[in-house]
C-alpha cells in the first residue's frame, strides 16, 4: 500500500493525474484504427507498383485528366449539398427550438432518413424520381411533360441523395446550437424596438455563425466521401465519377494499392484545404458566450 501511495505521489508531483490512465483505451483505439492505417497508407503511396520514384503515383494522378477531374466533380457535388443542407436546417431548427404540440413527432420525421441508409435512399429515389417513377408518371398523366425528366443516374440523383441523408445531421447540429443561445437576448432586443428580422440578423445569426461553420464542415466531409450514391443513382463512368470511386477502382479493379493510397491521400488533402478555409473564416466570427445552456 505504501509503495502504491508513493508511486501515485511521484506521479502527482510530475503533474500526472492517475485519472488520465482512463484515456489509455481510447488512445490505443485511435492509434490502431486511425493513426496506423493513415501512416501505412501514406507510406504505401510512396511505393509505386511499377517504380518511377516516390512521387510517381501522385504524378500519375495529376497527369491524367480523367483522374484529376474527379476532384472538381466531387467538389461540385459536395459543396452545394453541404451548403443547402445547412441553409435548409436553419429556418426549420429556428422554428422548432420553441415548445409546441407535435414537436417530438415532427423531429422524429425529420431525422428518420438517418435510419434509411444510402442504399435504401437510392432505391427510393429510383422508385419516385426515376424515368418510370411516380413523379414522372404524375407529370405525364396531367400532360405537363411529354418525356420523363432525368432526375436519376446523373448529377441530380446523387445530389438529392446527399440532401436526404445529410439534412438530419445538419438539422440536429443547428438545433443544438440554437438551443444554446439565450432567448432573453432576443427578448431584450424586442423591448428596444428591434423587429424579428433585425433580431435574427443582429443577434441570433452572429451567435449561430460559428456553429453553422462547424455544421457545414461535418456535412461537407460526409458528402465528399460519397460512394454508394454515385454508383446507384449517379453516372459513375461520367458526370458523377467522384474521387472515392477512382480510389476504389485503383484498388479493386487495377489491384494497385499504392496508387489507390495516393488517391486517398489526395482526397484527404482536398478535404483539409476546405476545412482550413472554413475554420479560418470561423476564427474571425464571434466566439464568446451565447449566454444559454449550450
Protein backbone atom coordinates (compact mmCIF):
# COMPACT_ATOMS: atom_id res chain seq x y z
CA UNK A 1 0.00 0.00 0.00
CA UNK A 2 2.83 2.38 0.90
CA UNK A 3 4.61 1.66 -2.39
CA UNK A 4 1.41 2.32 -4.33
CA UNK A 5 0.84 5.57 -2.45
CA UNK A 6 4.45 6.60 -3.06
CA UNK A 7 4.13 5.84 -6.79
CA UNK A 8 0.92 7.86 -7.02
CA UNK A 9 2.59 10.69 -5.10
CA UNK A 10 5.52 10.76 -7.55
CA UNK A 11 3.11 10.90 -10.49
CA UNK A 12 1.22 13.74 -8.83
CA UNK A 13 4.47 15.68 -8.32
CA UNK A 14 5.12 15.40 -12.05
CA UNK A 15 1.66 16.68 -12.86
CA UNK A 16 0.28 13.29 -13.94
CA UNK A 17 -3.25 12.64 -12.71
CA UNK A 18 -3.97 8.93 -12.37
CA UNK A 19 -7.36 9.53 -13.95
CA UNK A 20 -5.51 10.22 -17.19
CA UNK A 21 -4.92 6.46 -17.43
CA UNK A 22 -8.62 6.22 -18.29
CA UNK A 23 -7.68 7.74 -21.65
CA UNK A 24 -5.39 4.81 -22.45
CA UNK A 25 -8.06 2.53 -24.05
CA UNK A 26 -9.30 5.37 -26.26
CA UNK A 27 -5.72 6.27 -27.21
CA UNK A 28 -4.96 2.69 -28.21
CA UNK A 29 -8.21 2.57 -30.21
CA UNK A 30 -7.31 5.74 -32.13
CA UNK A 31 -3.77 4.53 -32.77
CA UNK A 32 -4.85 1.14 -34.10
CA UNK A 33 -7.85 2.20 -36.17
CA UNK A 34 -6.88 5.68 -37.36
CA UNK A 35 -3.24 6.67 -36.93
CA UNK A 36 -1.68 3.37 -38.02
CA UNK A 37 -3.87 2.93 -41.14
CA UNK A 38 -3.18 6.54 -42.13
CA UNK A 39 0.58 6.21 -41.74
CA UNK A 40 0.55 2.85 -43.54
CA UNK A 41 -1.46 4.30 -46.43
CA UNK A 42 0.81 7.34 -46.60
CA UNK A 43 3.95 5.24 -46.77
CA UNK A 44 2.35 2.88 -49.30
CA UNK A 45 1.51 5.80 -51.59
CA UNK A 46 5.24 6.48 -51.99
CA UNK A 47 5.90 2.92 -53.16
CA UNK A 48 4.63 2.82 -56.77
CA UNK A 49 3.85 -0.60 -58.15
CA UNK A 50 5.86 -0.07 -61.32
CA UNK A 51 8.61 2.09 -59.87
CA UNK A 52 9.46 5.57 -61.11
CA UNK A 53 10.21 7.41 -57.90
CA UNK A 54 8.42 8.11 -54.64
CA UNK A 55 6.03 10.66 -56.20
CA UNK A 56 5.19 8.57 -59.26
CA UNK A 57 1.66 7.77 -58.09
CA UNK A 58 0.87 11.42 -57.45
CA UNK A 59 2.31 12.42 -60.82
CA UNK A 60 0.25 9.69 -62.46
CA UNK A 61 -2.93 11.04 -60.92
CA UNK A 62 -2.41 14.70 -61.80
CA UNK A 63 -1.12 13.94 -65.29
CA UNK A 64 -4.31 12.01 -66.11
CA UNK A 65 -7.18 14.42 -66.78
CA UNK A 66 -9.74 11.62 -66.33
CA UNK A 67 -8.46 11.06 -62.79
CA UNK A 68 -7.68 14.69 -61.99
CA UNK A 69 -11.18 15.84 -62.89
CA UNK A 70 -12.64 13.66 -60.13
CA UNK A 71 -11.58 16.34 -57.62
CA UNK A 72 -13.69 19.01 -59.30
CA UNK A 73 -16.57 16.58 -59.80
CA UNK A 74 -16.63 15.68 -56.11
CA UNK A 75 -16.44 19.32 -55.02
CA UNK A 76 -19.28 20.26 -57.39
CA UNK A 77 -21.44 17.69 -55.65
CA UNK A 78 -20.30 18.01 -52.04
CA UNK A 79 -20.08 21.79 -51.61
CA UNK A 80 -23.61 22.67 -52.85
CA UNK A 81 -25.12 19.72 -50.99
CA UNK A 82 -23.48 20.72 -47.70
CA UNK A 83 -24.42 24.37 -48.16
CA UNK A 84 -28.05 23.58 -48.99
CA UNK A 85 -28.35 21.24 -46.01
CA UNK A 86 -27.16 23.98 -43.66
CA UNK A 87 -29.37 26.67 -45.22
CA UNK A 88 -32.42 24.40 -45.09
CA UNK A 89 -31.74 23.38 -41.49
CA UNK A 90 -31.55 26.94 -40.10
CA UNK A 91 -35.19 28.09 -40.55
CA UNK A 92 -36.60 24.71 -39.56
CA UNK A 93 -34.42 24.43 -36.45
CA UNK A 94 -35.17 28.08 -35.60
CA UNK A 95 -38.88 27.36 -35.65
CA UNK A 96 -38.56 24.14 -33.68
CA UNK A 97 -36.45 25.41 -30.82
CA UNK A 98 -39.59 26.53 -29.02
CA UNK A 99 -42.26 24.37 -27.44
CA UNK A 100 -45.31 23.40 -29.44
CA UNK A 101 -47.63 20.46 -29.82
CA UNK A 102 -46.28 17.66 -32.01
CA UNK A 103 -42.65 18.80 -31.77
CA UNK A 104 -41.33 15.33 -30.94
CA UNK A 105 -43.24 13.73 -33.78
CA UNK A 106 -42.02 16.30 -36.29
CA UNK A 107 -38.43 15.95 -35.06
CA UNK A 108 -38.67 12.19 -35.48
CA UNK A 109 -39.93 12.57 -39.04
CA UNK A 110 -37.07 14.94 -39.89
CA UNK A 111 -34.36 12.59 -38.60
CA UNK A 112 -35.83 9.36 -39.96
CA UNK A 113 -33.58 9.45 -43.09
CA UNK A 114 -30.62 8.70 -40.80
CA UNK A 115 -32.03 5.20 -40.33
CA UNK A 116 -32.59 4.55 -44.04
CA UNK A 117 -29.02 4.30 -45.26
CA UNK A 118 -27.72 5.24 -48.69
CA UNK A 119 -28.84 2.03 -50.43
CA UNK A 120 -32.47 2.31 -49.32
CA UNK A 121 -32.44 6.04 -50.10
CA UNK A 122 -31.13 5.33 -53.59
CA UNK A 123 -33.82 2.71 -54.15
CA UNK A 124 -36.48 5.18 -53.05
CA UNK A 125 -35.14 7.84 -55.41
CA UNK A 126 -35.23 5.39 -58.31
CA UNK A 127 -38.83 4.44 -57.48
CA UNK A 128 -40.05 8.02 -57.10
CA UNK A 129 -37.85 10.10 -59.40
CA UNK A 130 -36.74 7.53 -61.97
CA UNK A 131 -37.93 7.64 -65.61
CA UNK A 132 -40.80 5.29 -64.71
CA UNK A 133 -41.22 6.60 -61.16
CA UNK A 134 -44.28 8.17 -59.61
CA UNK A 135 -43.06 11.75 -60.11
CA UNK A 136 -42.68 11.42 -63.88
CA UNK A 137 -45.84 9.36 -64.25
CA UNK A 138 -47.92 12.01 -62.48
CA UNK A 139 -46.47 14.83 -64.56
CA UNK A 140 -47.08 12.88 -67.76
CA UNK A 141 -50.61 11.94 -66.66
CA UNK A 142 -51.57 15.60 -66.25
CA UNK A 143 -49.81 16.40 -69.55
CA UNK A 144 -47.23 18.74 -68.05
CA UNK A 145 -44.40 16.90 -69.79
CA UNK A 146 -44.20 14.60 -72.81
CA UNK A 147 -40.99 12.76 -71.90
CA UNK A 148 -39.68 11.75 -68.45
CA UNK A 149 -37.40 14.21 -66.67
CA UNK A 150 -33.99 12.71 -65.94
CA UNK A 151 -33.54 13.10 -62.18
CA UNK A 152 -31.59 9.90 -61.51
CA UNK A 153 -28.47 8.25 -62.89
CA UNK A 154 -26.92 11.70 -63.21
CA UNK A 155 -25.72 14.60 -61.05
CA UNK A 156 -29.16 15.32 -59.61
CA UNK A 157 -29.67 11.77 -58.37
CA UNK A 158 -26.51 11.95 -56.27
CA UNK A 159 -27.31 15.49 -55.14
CA UNK A 160 -30.79 14.56 -53.92
CA UNK A 161 -29.39 11.51 -52.14
CA UNK A 162 -26.87 13.64 -50.26
CA UNK A 163 -29.57 16.12 -49.28
CA UNK A 164 -31.81 13.37 -47.90
CA UNK A 165 -29.05 11.64 -45.93
CA UNK A 166 -27.20 14.78 -44.84
CA UNK A 167 -30.07 17.03 -43.76
CA UNK A 168 -30.85 15.20 -40.47
CA UNK A 169 -27.25 15.68 -39.27
CA UNK A 170 -27.30 19.37 -40.19
CA UNK A 171 -30.71 19.86 -38.59
CA UNK A 172 -29.74 18.23 -35.28
CA UNK A 173 -26.48 20.18 -35.08
CA UNK A 174 -28.11 23.54 -35.87
CA UNK A 175 -30.90 22.82 -33.39
CA UNK A 176 -28.35 22.10 -30.66
CA UNK A 177 -26.50 25.36 -31.38
CA UNK A 178 -29.74 27.36 -31.38
CA UNK A 179 -30.73 25.80 -28.07
CA UNK A 180 -27.53 27.21 -26.59
CA UNK A 181 -28.45 30.81 -27.41
CA UNK A 182 -30.14 32.60 -24.53
CA UNK A 183 -33.65 33.62 -25.71
CA UNK A 184 -33.63 36.58 -23.30
CA UNK A 185 -31.16 38.29 -25.64
CA UNK A 186 -33.82 38.43 -28.34
CA UNK A 187 -36.50 39.48 -25.89
CA UNK A 188 -34.29 42.31 -24.68
CA UNK A 189 -33.77 43.47 -28.27
CA UNK A 190 -37.51 43.27 -28.88
CA UNK A 191 -38.18 45.60 -25.95
CA UNK A 192 -35.81 48.08 -27.60
CA UNK A 193 -37.91 48.03 -30.76
CA UNK A 194 -35.95 45.57 -32.92
CA UNK A 195 -38.03 43.69 -35.46
CA UNK A 196 -37.93 39.91 -35.83
CA UNK A 197 -35.67 40.18 -38.88
CA UNK A 198 -33.34 42.61 -37.08
CA UNK A 199 -33.12 40.35 -34.05
CA UNK A 200 -32.21 37.40 -36.22
CA UNK A 201 -29.66 39.33 -38.30
CA UNK A 202 -28.02 41.24 -35.43
CA UNK A 203 -28.22 38.74 -32.55
CA UNK A 204 -29.06 35.18 -33.50
CA UNK A 205 -27.07 34.88 -36.71
CA UNK A 206 -23.76 36.24 -35.32
CA UNK A 207 -24.02 33.89 -32.34
CA UNK A 208 -25.01 30.98 -34.58
CA UNK A 209 -22.44 31.56 -37.34
CA UNK A 210 -19.55 29.62 -35.73
CA UNK A 211 -21.87 26.65 -35.24
CA UNK A 212 -23.03 26.91 -38.84
CA UNK A 213 -19.42 26.75 -39.98
CA UNK A 214 -18.86 23.59 -37.96
CA UNK A 215 -22.10 22.09 -39.27
CA UNK A 216 -21.08 22.88 -42.84
CA UNK A 217 -17.72 21.16 -42.35
CA UNK A 218 -19.25 17.99 -40.93
CA UNK A 219 -21.84 17.73 -43.68
CA UNK A 220 -19.21 18.55 -46.31
CA UNK A 221 -16.89 15.77 -45.14
CA UNK A 222 -19.87 13.40 -45.15
CA UNK A 223 -20.79 14.43 -48.70
CA UNK A 224 -17.22 14.49 -50.03
CA UNK A 225 -16.79 10.80 -49.25
CA UNK A 226 -19.86 9.91 -51.33
CA UNK A 227 -19.56 6.49 -52.95
CA UNK A 228 -22.72 4.32 -52.99
CA UNK A 229 -24.94 7.15 -54.23
CA UNK A 230 -22.53 7.98 -57.05
CA UNK A 231 -22.90 4.40 -58.29
CA UNK A 232 -26.55 3.65 -57.53
CA UNK A 233 -28.28 6.88 -58.58
CA UNK A 234 -25.46 8.58 -60.47
CA UNK A 235 -23.38 8.07 -63.57
CA UNK A 236 -20.16 6.52 -62.23
CA UNK A 237 -18.49 6.48 -65.63
CA UNK A 238 -19.28 10.11 -66.38
CA UNK A 239 -20.80 13.05 -64.54
CA UNK A 240 -20.61 11.51 -61.04
CA UNK A 241 -17.24 9.78 -61.19
CA UNK A 242 -16.08 11.01 -57.79
CA UNK A 243 -12.61 10.67 -56.30
CA UNK A 244 -13.62 7.89 -53.90
CA UNK A 245 -14.72 5.84 -56.89
CA UNK A 246 -11.35 6.44 -58.54
CA UNK A 247 -9.60 5.13 -55.43
CA UNK A 248 -11.87 2.07 -55.35
CA UNK A 249 -11.19 1.26 -58.99
CA UNK A 250 -7.45 1.62 -58.50
CA UNK A 251 -7.51 -0.78 -55.53
CA UNK A 252 -10.05 -3.42 -56.52
CA UNK A 253 -10.10 -3.31 -60.32
CA UNK A 254 -6.47 -2.49 -61.10
CA UNK A 255 -5.13 -4.02 -57.85
CA UNK A 256 -2.72 -1.12 -57.50
CA UNK A 257 -2.99 -0.46 -53.78
CA UNK A 258 -0.16 2.06 -53.77
CA UNK A 259 -1.93 4.17 -56.39
CA UNK A 260 -5.22 3.85 -54.50
CA UNK A 261 -3.46 5.03 -51.33
CA UNK A 262 -2.11 8.04 -53.19
CA UNK A 263 -5.62 8.93 -54.39
CA UNK A 264 -6.90 8.57 -50.82
CA UNK A 265 -4.17 10.91 -49.58
CA UNK A 266 -5.10 13.46 -52.26
CA UNK A 267 -8.71 13.13 -51.21
CA UNK A 268 -7.74 13.86 -47.61
CA UNK A 269 -5.65 16.88 -48.59
CA UNK A 270 -8.53 18.40 -50.58
CA UNK A 271 -10.83 17.98 -47.59
CA UNK A 272 -8.26 19.53 -45.27
CA UNK A 273 -7.91 22.55 -47.58
CA UNK A 274 -11.66 23.18 -47.47
CA UNK A 275 -11.73 22.60 -43.70
CA UNK A 276 -8.82 25.04 -43.20
CA UNK A 277 -10.51 27.75 -45.28
CA UNK A 278 -13.79 27.44 -43.36
CA UNK A 279 -12.02 27.31 -39.98
CA UNK A 280 -10.03 30.42 -40.90
CA UNK A 281 -13.30 32.20 -41.65
CA UNK A 282 -14.83 30.78 -38.47
CA UNK A 283 -11.96 32.11 -36.34
CA UNK A 284 -12.94 35.64 -37.35
CA UNK A 285 -16.50 35.20 -36.13
CA UNK A 286 -17.87 35.86 -32.66
CA UNK A 287 -16.70 33.11 -30.30
CA UNK A 288 -17.84 34.44 -26.93
CA UNK A 289 -20.54 33.11 -24.63
CA UNK A 290 -24.02 32.75 -26.03
CA UNK A 291 -25.49 33.11 -22.58
CA UNK A 292 -27.56 29.96 -22.86
CA UNK A 293 -27.36 26.34 -21.87
CA UNK A 294 -25.24 25.21 -24.83
